[in-house]
Each structure stands twice: as C-alpha cells, then as structure tokens.
Amino acid sequence: MKPLRKVLTKKNFKEYLTKMPPNKRVGVKDSSESCPLANLIKSEGYTRVRVGEDMFNVTTREGNGFLPKWAHKFIDTVDSLCSPKYVTAKKALKILEN
C-alpha cells in the first residue's frame, strides 16, 4: 500500500480520474466518506476513510495524514458548486484542472 502522501498527489488523483469513464460517478459532495478523494484513497487499499471533516485531515483505519492545499480547494469547490450531489469523473477533472 502506498503511503498517504504518495496517494494524495494531484498527479495521482488526475491519473485515477482519467481511467474512469467520463460519466462515472466518482463521489458524493458533502460526504467525508464518499467524496472523490476518499474514493481515491480507498482504491489504494485503505479502509474506514474520512476526508476533510475539518478540512485538514485524512483519517483511515491504517493511519492519518494531512490534506495538501490543492485538495482543500478541490473539496471546497465540489461541495459548493456540484449539483446534483453526485460527482462524475468529467466534473471532478474539470474542477481539478481549474
């Protein structure tokens, strides 16, 4: 299993999203357990993942870490702009690239 600091890179997240079909739901806005970043971390083998409850931490059964600045911005944007509540790979990539 990769360390969280290597999982939570913008490059790794972009690669994860580009492997998905554009209309695939990759997460749920306003959900610390099912947001796109939480699902990225789960895809790397982590369990009991919670992302951004206080906007700074990632907690998992296997250990904790801090969110990088780009991830804070991504979460803020997803939670404030996305409608409906499901986030597609296409929408997540667009947000990530802006």
PDB file of N, CA and C in Angstrom:
ATOM      1  N   MET A   1       0.850  -1.179   0.000  1.00  0.00           N
ATOM      2  CA  MET A   1       0.000   0.000   0.000  1.00  0.00           C
ATOM      3  C   MET A   1       0.895   1.241   0.000  1.00  0.00           C
ATOM      4  N   LYS A   2       0.572   2.187  -0.886  1.00  0.00           N
ATOM      5  CA  LYS A   2       1.339   3.440  -0.938  1.00  0.00           C
ATOM      6  C   LYS A   2       1.089   4.266   0.320  1.00  0.00           C
ATOM      7  N   PRO A   3       2.088   5.017   0.779  1.00  0.00           N
ATOM      8  CA  PRO A   3       1.848   5.967   1.873  1.00  0.00           C
ATOM      9  C   PRO A   3       0.846   7.039   1.423  1.00  0.00           C
ATOM     10  N   LEU A   4       0.062   7.549   2.364  1.00  0.00           N
ATOM     11  CA  LEU A   4      -0.944   8.568   2.035  1.00  0.00           C
ATOM     12  C   LEU A   4      -0.353   9.751   1.282  1.00  0.00           C
ATOM     13  N   ARG A   5       0.848  10.178   1.659  1.00  0.00           N
ATOM     14  CA  ARG A   5       1.445  11.343   0.997  1.00  0.00           C
ATOM     15  C   ARG A   5       1.674  11.089  -0.489  1.00  0.00           C
ATOM     16  N   LYS A   6       1.855   9.823  -0.885  1.00  0.00           N
ATOM     17  CA  LYS A   6       2.030   9.498  -2.300  1.00  0.00           C
ATOM     18  C   LYS A   6       0.698   9.283  -3.005  1.00  0.00           C
ATOM     19  N   VAL A   7      -0.297   8.873  -2.250  1.00  0.00           N
ATOM     20  CA  VAL A   7      -1.645   8.715  -2.817  1.00  0.00           C
ATOM     21  C   VAL A   7      -2.248  10.094  -3.090  1.00  0.00           C
ATOM     22  N   LEU A   8      -2.072  11.002  -2.141  1.00  0.00           N
ATOM     23  CA  LEU A   8      -2.703  12.317  -2.224  1.00  0.00           C
ATOM     24  C   LEU A   8      -1.859  13.336  -2.988  1.00  0.00           C
ATOM     25  N   THR A   9      -1.513  12.981  -4.210  1.00  0.00           N
ATOM     26  CA  THR A   9      -0.861  13.953  -5.088  1.00  0.00           C
ATOM     27  C   THR A   9      -1.856  14.303  -6.192  1.00  0.00           C
ATOM     28  N   LYS A  10      -1.732  15.502  -6.681  1.00  0.00           N
ATOM     29  CA  LYS A  10      -2.620  15.950  -7.762  1.00  0.00           C
ATOM     30  C   LYS A  10      -2.450  15.047  -8.993  1.00  0.00           C
ATOM     31  N   LYS A  11      -1.217  14.682  -9.280  1.00  0.00           N
ATOM     32  CA  LYS A  11      -0.929  13.823 -10.433  1.00  0.00           C
ATOM     33  C   LYS A  11      -1.607  12.460 -10.282  1.00  0.00           C
ATOM     34  N   ASN A  12      -1.489  11.854  -9.116  1.00  0.00           N
ATOM     35  CA  ASN A  12      -2.101  10.552  -8.871  1.00  0.00           C
ATOM     36  C   ASN A  12      -3.627  10.628  -8.976  1.00  0.00           C
ATOM     37  N   PHE A  13      -4.214  11.695  -8.439  1.00  0.00           N
ATOM     38  CA  PHE A  13      -5.667  11.877  -8.493  1.00  0.00           C
ATOM     39  C   PHE A  13      -6.124  12.044  -9.942  1.00  0.00           C
ATOM     40  N   LYS A  14      -5.384  12.820 -10.717  1.00  0.00           N
ATOM     41  CA  LYS A  14      -5.730  13.024 -12.126  1.00  0.00           C
ATOM     42  C   LYS A  14      -5.659  11.693 -12.892  1.00  0.00           C
ATOM     43  N   GLU A  15      -4.622  10.912 -12.646  1.00  0.00           N
ATOM     44  CA  GLU A  15      -4.497   9.611 -13.311  1.00  0.00           C
ATOM     45  C   GLU A  15      -5.672   8.703 -12.947  1.00  0.00           C
ATOM     46  N   TYR A  16      -6.062   8.706 -11.688  1.00  0.00           N
ATOM     47  CA  TYR A  16      -7.208   7.917 -11.212  1.00  0.00           C
ATOM     48  C   TYR A  16      -8.483   8.337 -11.951  1.00  0.00           C
ATOM     49  N   LEU A  17      -8.708   9.639 -12.051  1.00  0.00           N
ATOM     50  CA  LEU A  17      -9.924  10.132 -12.701  1.00  0.00           C
ATOM     51  C   LEU A  17      -9.941   9.866 -14.203  1.00  0.00           C
ATOM     52  N   THR A  18      -8.793   9.988 -14.859  1.00  0.00           N
ATOM     53  CA  THR A  18      -8.761   9.794 -16.315  1.00  0.00           C
ATOM     54  C   THR A  18      -8.960   8.330 -16.702  1.00  0.00           C
ATOM     55  N   LYS A  19      -8.773   7.412 -15.779  1.00  0.00           N
ATOM     56  CA  LYS A  19      -9.028   5.994 -16.055  1.00  0.00           C
ATOM     57  C   LYS A  19     -10.519   5.658 -16.009  1.00  0.00           C
ATOM     58  N   MET A  20     -11.314   6.573 -15.482  1.00  0.00           N
ATOM     59  CA  MET A  20     -12.754   6.346 -15.334  1.00  0.00           C
ATOM     60  C   MET A  20     -13.496   6.828 -16.577  1.00  0.00           C
ATOM     61  N   PRO A  21     -14.622   6.178 -16.924  1.00  0.00           N
ATOM     62  CA  PRO A  21     -15.472   6.736 -17.972  1.00  0.00           C
ATOM     63  C   PRO A  21     -15.947   8.131 -17.534  1.00  0.00           C
ATOM     64  N   PRO A  22     -16.056   9.095 -18.455  1.00  0.00           N
ATOM     65  CA  PRO A  22     -16.388  10.475 -18.081  1.00  0.00           C
ATOM     66  C   PRO A  22     -17.657  10.630 -17.237  1.00  0.00           C
ATOM     67  N   ASN A  23     -18.667   9.824 -17.489  1.00  0.00           N
ATOM     68  CA  ASN A  23     -19.928   9.974 -16.757  1.00  0.00           C
ATOM     69  C   ASN A  23     -20.046   9.074 -15.535  1.00  0.00           C
ATOM     70  N   LYS A  24     -18.968   8.388 -15.184  1.00  0.00           N
ATOM     71  CA  LYS A  24     -18.980   7.531 -13.994  1.00  0.00           C
ATOM     72  C   LYS A  24     -19.007   8.393 -12.741  1.00  0.00           C
ATOM     73  N   ARG A  25     -19.849   8.029 -11.808  1.00  0.00           N
ATOM     74  CA  ARG A  25     -19.899   8.727 -10.526  1.00  0.00           C
ATOM     75  C   ARG A  25     -18.679   8.315  -9.703  1.00  0.00           C
ATOM     76  N   VAL A  26     -17.867   9.298  -9.363  1.00  0.00           N
ATOM     77  CA  VAL A  26     -16.642   9.023  -8.603  1.00  0.00           C
ATOM     78  C   VAL A  26     -16.736   9.475  -7.161  1.00  0.00           C
ATOM     79  N   GLY A  27     -17.872  10.065  -6.788  1.00  0.00           N
ATOM     80  CA  GLY A  27     -18.026  10.507  -5.413  1.00  0.00           C
ATOM     81  C   GLY A  27     -19.318  11.267  -5.185  1.00  0.00           C
ATOM     82  N   VAL A  28     -19.491  11.665  -3.941  1.00  0.00           N
ATOM     83  CA  VAL A  28     -20.675  12.381  -3.493  1.00  0.00           C
ATOM     84  C   VAL A  28     -20.210  13.651  -2.792  1.00  0.00           C
ATOM     85  N   LYS A  29     -20.801  14.782  -3.154  1.00  0.00           N
ATOM     86  CA  LYS A  29     -20.416  16.032  -2.489  1.00  0.00           C
ATOM     87  C   LYS A  29     -20.899  16.027  -1.046  1.00  0.00           C
ATOM     88  N   ASP A  30     -20.250  16.795  -0.209  1.00  0.00           N
ATOM     89  CA  ASP A  30     -20.591  16.918   1.214  1.00  0.00           C
ATOM     90  C   ASP A  30     -20.547  15.589   1.961  1.00  0.00           C
ATOM     91  N   SER A  31     -19.705  14.677   1.520  1.00  0.00           N
ATOM     92  CA  SER A  31     -19.591  13.382   2.185  1.00  0.00           C
ATOM     93  C   SER A  31     -18.118  13.082   2.470  1.00  0.00           C
ATOM     94  N   SER A  32     -17.757  13.069   3.726  1.00  0.00           N
ATOM     95  CA  SER A  32     -16.356  12.819   4.079  1.00  0.00           C
ATOM     96  C   SER A  32     -15.945  11.377   3.786  1.00  0.00           C
ATOM     97  N   GLU A  33     -16.908  10.476   3.680  1.00  0.00           N
ATOM     98  CA  GLU A  33     -16.601   9.066   3.436  1.00  0.00           C
ATOM     99  C   GLU A  33     -16.731   8.660   1.970  1.00  0.00           C
ATOM    100  N   SER A  34     -17.440   9.456   1.171  1.00  0.00           N
ATOM    101  CA  SER A  34     -17.685   9.074  -0.226  1.00  0.00           C
ATOM    102  C   SER A  34     -17.324  10.161  -1.229  1.00  0.00           C
ATOM    103  N   CYS A  35     -16.560  11.148  -0.812  1.00  0.00           N
ATOM    104  CA  CYS A  35     -16.137  12.181  -1.753  1.00  0.00           C
ATOM    105  C   CYS A  35     -15.122  11.571  -2.730  1.00  0.00           C
ATOM    106  N   PRO A  36     -14.875  12.226  -3.856  1.00  0.00           N
ATOM    107  CA  PRO A  36     -13.917  11.673  -4.816  1.00  0.00           C
ATOM    108  C   PRO A  36     -12.536  11.379  -4.226  1.00  0.00           C
ATOM    109  N   LEU A  37     -12.053  12.221  -3.332  1.00  0.00           N
ATOM    110  CA  LEU A  37     -10.736  11.973  -2.725  1.00  0.00           C
ATOM    111  C   LEU A  37     -10.766  10.757  -1.799  1.00  0.00           C
ATOM    112  N   ALA A  38     -11.846  10.587  -1.056  1.00  0.00           N
ATOM    113  CA  ALA A  38     -11.971   9.402  -0.197  1.00  0.00           C
ATOM    114  C   ALA A  38     -11.976   8.139  -1.052  1.00  0.00           C
ATOM    115  N   ASN A  39     -12.667   8.207  -2.181  1.00  0.00           N
ATOM    116  CA  ASN A  39     -12.727   7.036  -3.058  1.00  0.00           C
ATOM    117  C   ASN A  39     -11.375   6.733  -3.699  1.00  0.00           C
ATOM    118  N   LEU A  40     -10.598   7.770  -3.997  1.00  0.00           N
ATOM    119  CA  LEU A  40      -9.229   7.563  -4.474  1.00  0.00           C
ATOM    120  C   LEU A  40      -8.425   6.790  -3.427  1.00  0.00           C
ATOM    121  N   ILE A  41      -8.486   7.230  -2.196  1.00  0.00           N
ATOM    122  CA  ILE A  41      -7.727   6.595  -1.114  1.00  0.00           C
ATOM    123  C   ILE A  41      -8.173   5.146  -0.921  1.00  0.00           C
ATOM    124  N   LYS A  42      -9.478   4.912  -0.978  1.00  0.00           N
ATOM    125  CA  LYS A  42     -10.000   3.542  -0.857  1.00  0.00           C
ATOM    126  C   LYS A  42      -9.484   2.664  -1.994  1.00  0.00           C
ATOM    127  N   SER A  43      -9.366   3.249  -3.186  1.00  0.00           N
ATOM    128  CA  SER A  43      -8.892   2.467  -4.336  1.00  0.00           C
ATOM    129  C   SER A  43      -7.457   1.983  -4.145  1.00  0.00           C
ATOM    130  N   GLU A  44      -6.739   2.618  -3.232  1.00  0.00           N
ATOM    131  CA  GLU A  44      -5.354   2.233  -2.935  1.00  0.00           C
ATOM    132  C   GLU A  44      -5.275   1.229  -1.786  1.00  0.00           C
ATOM    133  N   GLY A  45      -6.437   0.775  -1.288  1.00  0.00           N
ATOM    134  CA  GLY A  45      -6.456  -0.266  -0.265  1.00  0.00           C
ATOM    135  C   GLY A  45      -6.717   0.195   1.154  1.00  0.00           C
ATOM    136  N   TYR A  46      -6.898   1.482   1.369  1.00  0.00           N
ATOM    137  CA  TYR A  46      -7.193   1.989   2.706  1.00  0.00           C
ATOM    138  C   TYR A  46      -8.660   1.731   3.049  1.00  0.00           C
ATOM    139  N   THR A  47      -8.942   1.609   4.351  1.00  0.00           N
ATOM    140  CA  THR A  47     -10.306   1.369   4.808  1.00  0.00           C
ATOM    141  C   THR A  47     -10.715   2.412   5.841  1.00  0.00           C
ATOM    142  N   ARG A  48     -12.007   2.508   6.067  1.00  0.00           N
ATOM    143  CA  ARG A  48     -12.576   3.486   7.019  1.00  0.00           C
ATOM    144  C   ARG A  48     -12.030   4.887   6.764  1.00  0.00           C
ATOM    145  N   VAL A  49     -12.127   5.301   5.536  1.00  0.00           N
ATOM    146  CA  VAL A  49     -11.556   6.579   5.099  1.00  0.00           C
ATOM    147  C   VAL A  49     -12.542   7.709   5.362  1.00  0.00           C
ATOM    148  N   ARG A  50     -12.043   8.800   5.919  1.00  0.00           N
ATOM    149  CA  ARG A  50     -12.813  10.030   6.102  1.00  0.00           C
ATOM    150  C   ARG A  50     -11.902  11.187   5.686  1.00  0.00           C
ATOM    151  N   VAL A  51     -12.396  12.010   4.780  1.00  0.00           N
ATOM    152  CA  VAL A  51     -11.584  13.097   4.224  1.00  0.00           C
ATOM    153  C   VAL A  51     -12.228  14.438   4.521  1.00  0.00           C
ATOM    154  N   GLY A  52     -11.439  15.357   5.046  1.00  0.00           N
ATOM    155  CA  GLY A  52     -11.835  16.752   5.115  1.00  0.00           C
ATOM    156  C   GLY A  52     -12.914  17.118   6.096  1.00  0.00           C
ATOM    157  N   GLU A  53     -13.154  16.300   7.117  1.00  0.00           N
ATOM    158  CA  GLU A  53     -14.174  16.683   8.083  1.00  0.00           C
ATOM    159  C   GLU A  53     -13.847  18.025   8.725  1.00  0.00           C
ATOM    160  N   ASP A  54     -12.563  18.254   8.951  1.00  0.00           N
ATOM    161  CA  ASP A  54     -12.159  19.563   9.461  1.00  0.00           C
ATOM    162  C   ASP A  54     -11.295  20.286   8.428  1.00  0.00           C
ATOM    163  N   MET A  55     -11.312  19.766   7.192  1.00  0.00           N
ATOM    164  CA  MET A  55     -10.621  20.340   6.034  1.00  0.00           C
ATOM    165  C   MET A  55      -9.101  20.227   6.090  1.00  0.00           C
ATOM    166  N   PHE A  56      -8.569  19.546   7.087  1.00  0.00           N
ATOM    167  CA  PHE A  56      -7.118  19.410   7.156  1.00  0.00           C
ATOM    168  C   PHE A  56      -6.656  17.966   7.226  1.00  0.00           C
ATOM    169  N   ASN A  57      -7.515  17.073   7.675  1.00  0.00           N
ATOM    170  CA  ASN A  57      -7.080  15.711   7.941  1.00  0.00           C
ATOM    171  C   ASN A  57      -7.694  14.679   7.016  1.00  0.00           C
ATOM    172  N   VAL A  58      -6.969  13.595   6.900  1.00  0.00           N
ATOM    173  CA  VAL A  58      -7.467  12.365   6.310  1.00  0.00           C
ATOM    174  C   VAL A  58      -7.317  11.321   7.406  1.00  0.00           C
ATOM    175  N   THR A  59      -8.387  10.646   7.737  1.00  0.00           N
ATOM    176  CA  THR A  59      -8.280   9.578   8.715  1.00  0.00           C
ATOM    177  C   THR A  59      -8.644   8.260   8.048  1.00  0.00           C
ATOM    178  N   THR A  60      -7.874   7.247   8.353  1.00  0.00           N
ATOM    179  CA  THR A  60      -8.134   5.903   7.850  1.00  0.00           C
ATOM    180  C   THR A  60      -7.863   4.925   8.988  1.00  0.00           C
ATOM    181  N   ARG A  61      -8.311   3.724   8.804  1.00  0.00           N
ATOM    182  CA  ARG A  61      -8.019   2.694   9.797  1.00  0.00           C
ATOM    183  C   ARG A  61      -6.517   2.464   9.893  1.00  0.00           C
ATOM    184  N   GLU A  62      -5.833   2.640   8.768  1.00  0.00           N
ATOM    185  CA  GLU A  62      -4.406   2.367   8.700  1.00  0.00           C
ATOM    186  C   GLU A  62      -3.517   3.525   9.139  1.00  0.00           C
ATOM    187  N   GLY A  63      -4.068   4.704   9.303  1.00  0.00           N
ATOM    188  CA  GLY A  63      -3.266   5.857   9.714  1.00  0.00           C
ATOM    189  C   GLY A  63      -3.896   7.158   9.250  1.00  0.00           C
ATOM    190  N   ASN A  64      -3.325   8.262   9.665  1.00  0.00           N
ATOM    191  CA  ASN A  64      -3.865   9.587   9.365  1.00  0.00           C
ATOM    192  C   ASN A  64      -2.859  10.426   8.591  1.00  0.00           C
ATOM    193  N   GLY A  65      -3.357  11.487   7.965  1.00  0.00           N
ATOM    194  CA  GLY A  65      -2.487  12.393   7.235  1.00  0.00           C
ATOM    195  C   GLY A  65      -3.151  13.745   7.059  1.00  0.00           C
ATOM    196  N   PHE A  66      -2.426  14.649   6.441  1.00  0.00           N
ATOM    197  CA  PHE A  66      -2.937  15.987   6.167  1.00  0.00           C
ATOM    198  C   PHE A  66      -3.245  16.138   4.691  1.00  0.00           C
ATOM    199  N   LEU A  67      -4.260  16.918   4.391  1.00  0.00           N
ATOM    200  CA  LEU A  67      -4.609  17.201   3.007  1.00  0.00           C
ATOM    201  C   LEU A  67      -3.705  18.293   2.448  1.00  0.00           C
ATOM    202  N   PRO A  68      -3.211  18.112   1.222  1.00  0.00           N
ATOM    203  CA  PRO A  68      -2.451  19.192   0.581  1.00  0.00           C
ATOM    204  C   PRO A  68      -3.391  20.335   0.191  1.00  0.00           C
ATOM    205  N   LYS A  69      -2.810  21.512  -0.069  1.00  0.00           N
ATOM    206  CA  LYS A  69      -3.617  22.698  -0.387  1.00  0.00           C
ATOM    207  C   LYS A  69      -4.526  22.501  -1.590  1.00  0.00           C
ATOM    208  N   TRP A  70      -4.032  21.830  -2.638  1.00  0.00           N
ATOM    209  CA  TRP A  70      -4.872  21.630  -3.816  1.00  0.00           C
ATOM    210  C   TRP A  70      -6.119  20.824  -3.459  1.00  0.00           C
ATOM    211  N   ALA A  71      -5.989  19.899  -2.505  1.00  0.00           N
ATOM    212  CA  ALA A  71      -7.127  19.074  -2.095  1.00  0.00           C
ATOM    213  C   ALA A  71      -8.159  19.894  -1.332  1.00  0.00           C
ATOM    214  N   HIS A  72      -7.704  20.849  -0.520  1.00  0.00           N
ATOM    215  CA  HIS A  72      -8.635  21.753   0.183  1.00  0.00           C
ATOM    216  C   HIS A  72      -9.483  22.493  -0.847  1.00  0.00           C
ATOM    217  N   LYS A  73      -8.824  23.053  -1.847  1.00  0.00           N
ATOM    218  CA  LYS A  73      -9.520  23.815  -2.885  1.00  0.00           C
ATOM    219  C   LYS A  73     -10.504  22.919  -3.641  1.00  0.00           C
ATOM    220  N   PHE A  74     -10.059  21.711  -3.979  1.00  0.00           N
ATOM    221  CA  PHE A  74     -10.919  20.777  -4.695  1.00  0.00           C
ATOM    222  C   PHE A  74     -12.180  20.473  -3.879  1.00  0.00           C
ATOM    223  N   ILE A  75     -12.015  20.155  -2.611  1.00  0.00           N
ATOM    224  CA  ILE A  75     -13.161  19.829  -1.751  1.00  0.00           C
ATOM    225  C   ILE A  75     -14.100  21.019  -1.629  1.00  0.00           C
ATOM    226  N   ASP A  76     -13.552  22.201  -1.387  1.00  0.00           N
ATOM    227  CA  ASP A  76     -14.395  23.406  -1.290  1.00  0.00           C
ATOM    228  C   ASP A  76     -15.226  23.607  -2.545  1.00  0.00           C
ATOM    229  N   THR A  77     -14.589  23.443  -3.696  1.00  0.00           N
ATOM    230  CA  THR A  77     -15.278  23.657  -4.962  1.00  0.00           C
ATOM    231  C   THR A  77     -16.349  22.599  -5.185  1.00  0.00           C
ATOM    232  N   VAL A  78     -16.016  21.346  -4.964  1.00  0.00           N
ATOM    233  CA  VAL A  78     -17.001  20.270  -5.132  1.00  0.00           C
ATOM    234  C   VAL A  78     -18.200  20.507  -4.227  1.00  0.00           C
ATOM    235  N   ASP A  79     -17.953  20.793  -2.966  1.00  0.00           N
ATOM    236  CA  ASP A  79     -19.051  20.950  -2.011  1.00  0.00           C
ATOM    237  C   ASP A  79     -19.899  22.178  -2.282  1.00  0.00           C
ATOM    238  N   SER A  80     -19.325  23.217  -2.882  1.00  0.00           N
ATOM    239  CA  SER A  80     -20.100  24.434  -3.121  1.00  0.00           C
ATOM    240  C   SER A  80     -20.744  24.500  -4.499  1.00  0.00           C
ATOM    241  N   LEU A  81     -20.145  23.862  -5.502  1.00  0.00           N
ATOM    242  CA  LEU A  81     -20.635  24.032  -6.867  1.00  0.00           C
ATOM    243  C   LEU A  81     -21.367  22.840  -7.463  1.00  0.00           C
ATOM    244  N   CYS A  82     -21.051  21.670  -7.050  1.00  0.00           N
ATOM    245  CA  CYS A  82     -21.590  20.489  -7.722  1.00  0.00           C
ATOM    246  C   CYS A  82     -23.071  20.298  -7.432  1.00  0.00           C
ATOM    247  N   SER A  83     -23.797  20.097  -8.498  1.00  0.00           N
ATOM    248  CA  SER A  83     -25.207  19.765  -8.412  1.00  0.00           C
ATOM    249  C   SER A  83     -25.518  18.889  -9.612  1.00  0.00           C
ATOM    250  N   PRO A  84     -26.110  17.765  -9.484  1.00  0.00           N
ATOM    251  CA  PRO A  84     -26.623  17.160  -8.250  1.00  0.00           C
ATOM    252  C   PRO A  84     -25.496  16.732  -7.325  1.00  0.00           C
ATOM    253  N   LYS A  85     -25.855  15.969  -6.312  1.00  0.00           N
ATOM    254  CA  LYS A  85     -24.856  15.648  -5.295  1.00  0.00           C
ATOM    255  C   LYS A  85     -23.789  14.672  -5.751  1.00  0.00           C
ATOM    256  N   TYR A  86     -24.044  13.945  -6.835  1.00  0.00           N
ATOM    257  CA  TYR A  86     -23.041  13.010  -7.346  1.00  0.00           C
ATOM    258  C   TYR A  86     -22.045  13.729  -8.239  1.00  0.00           C
ATOM    259  N   VAL A  87     -20.776  13.355  -8.116  1.00  0.00           N
ATOM    260  CA  VAL A  87     -19.702  13.963  -8.888  1.00  0.00           C
ATOM    261  C   VAL A  87     -19.201  12.947  -9.911  1.00  0.00           C
ATOM    262  N   THR A  88     -19.202  13.338 -11.172  1.00  0.00           N
ATOM    263  CA  THR A  88     -18.696  12.450 -12.223  1.00  0.00           C
ATOM    264  C   THR A  88     -17.192  12.655 -12.402  1.00  0.00           C
ATOM    265  N   ALA A  89     -16.569  11.705 -13.081  1.00  0.00           N
ATOM    266  CA  ALA A  89     -15.128  11.822 -13.360  1.00  0.00           C
ATOM    267  C   ALA A  89     -14.864  13.075 -14.184  1.00  0.00           C
ATOM    268  N   LYS A  90     -15.708  13.351 -15.162  1.00  0.00           N
ATOM    269  CA  LYS A  90     -15.545  14.528 -16.013  1.00  0.00           C
ATOM    270  C   LYS A  90     -15.605  15.818 -15.194  1.00  0.00           C
ATOM    271  N   LYS A  91     -16.601  15.914 -14.305  1.00  0.00           N
ATOM    272  CA  LYS A  91     -16.764  17.105 -13.468  1.00  0.00           C
ATOM    273  C   LYS A  91     -15.568  17.251 -12.511  1.00  0.00           C
ATOM    274  N   ALA A  92     -15.141  16.140 -11.928  1.00  0.00           N
ATOM    275  CA  ALA A  92     -14.004  16.196 -10.999  1.00  0.00           C
ATOM    276  C   ALA A  92     -12.730  16.643 -11.702  1.00  0.00           C
ATOM    277  N   LEU A  93     -12.500  16.141 -12.918  1.00  0.00           N
ATOM    278  CA  LEU A  93     -11.325  16.565 -13.678  1.00  0.00           C
ATOM    279  C   LEU A  93     -11.381  18.054 -14.007  1.00  0.00           C
ATOM    280  N   LYS A  94     -12.554  18.515 -14.390  1.00  0.00           N
ATOM    281  CA  LYS A  94     -12.698  19.938 -14.713  1.00  0.00           C
ATOM    282  C   LYS A  94     -12.375  20.804 -13.496  1.00  0.00           C
ATOM    283  N   ILE A  95     -12.875  20.408 -12.348  1.00  0.00           N
ATOM    284  CA  ILE A  95     -12.607  21.156 -11.116  1.00  0.00           C
ATOM    285  C   ILE A  95     -11.115  21.092 -10.778  1.00  0.00           C
ATOM    286  N   LEU A  96     -10.536  19.916 -10.898  1.00  0.00           N
ATOM    287  CA  LEU A  96      -9.127  19.733 -10.578  1.00  0.00           C
ATOM    288  C   LEU A  96      -8.221  20.596 -11.455  1.00  0.00           C
ATOM    289  N   GLU A  97      -8.581  20.747 -12.709  1.00  0.00           N
ATOM    290  CA  GLU A  97      -7.735  21.479 -13.660  1.00  0.00           C
ATOM    291  C   GLU A  97      -7.921  22.989 -13.588  1.00  0.00           C
ATOM    292  N   ASN A  98      -8.921  23.465 -12.885  1.00  0.00           N
ATOM    293  CA  ASN A  98      -9.137  24.920 -12.769  1.00  0.00           C
ATOM    294  C   ASN A  98      -8.484  25.489 -11.528  1.00  0.00           C
TER     295      ASN A  98
END
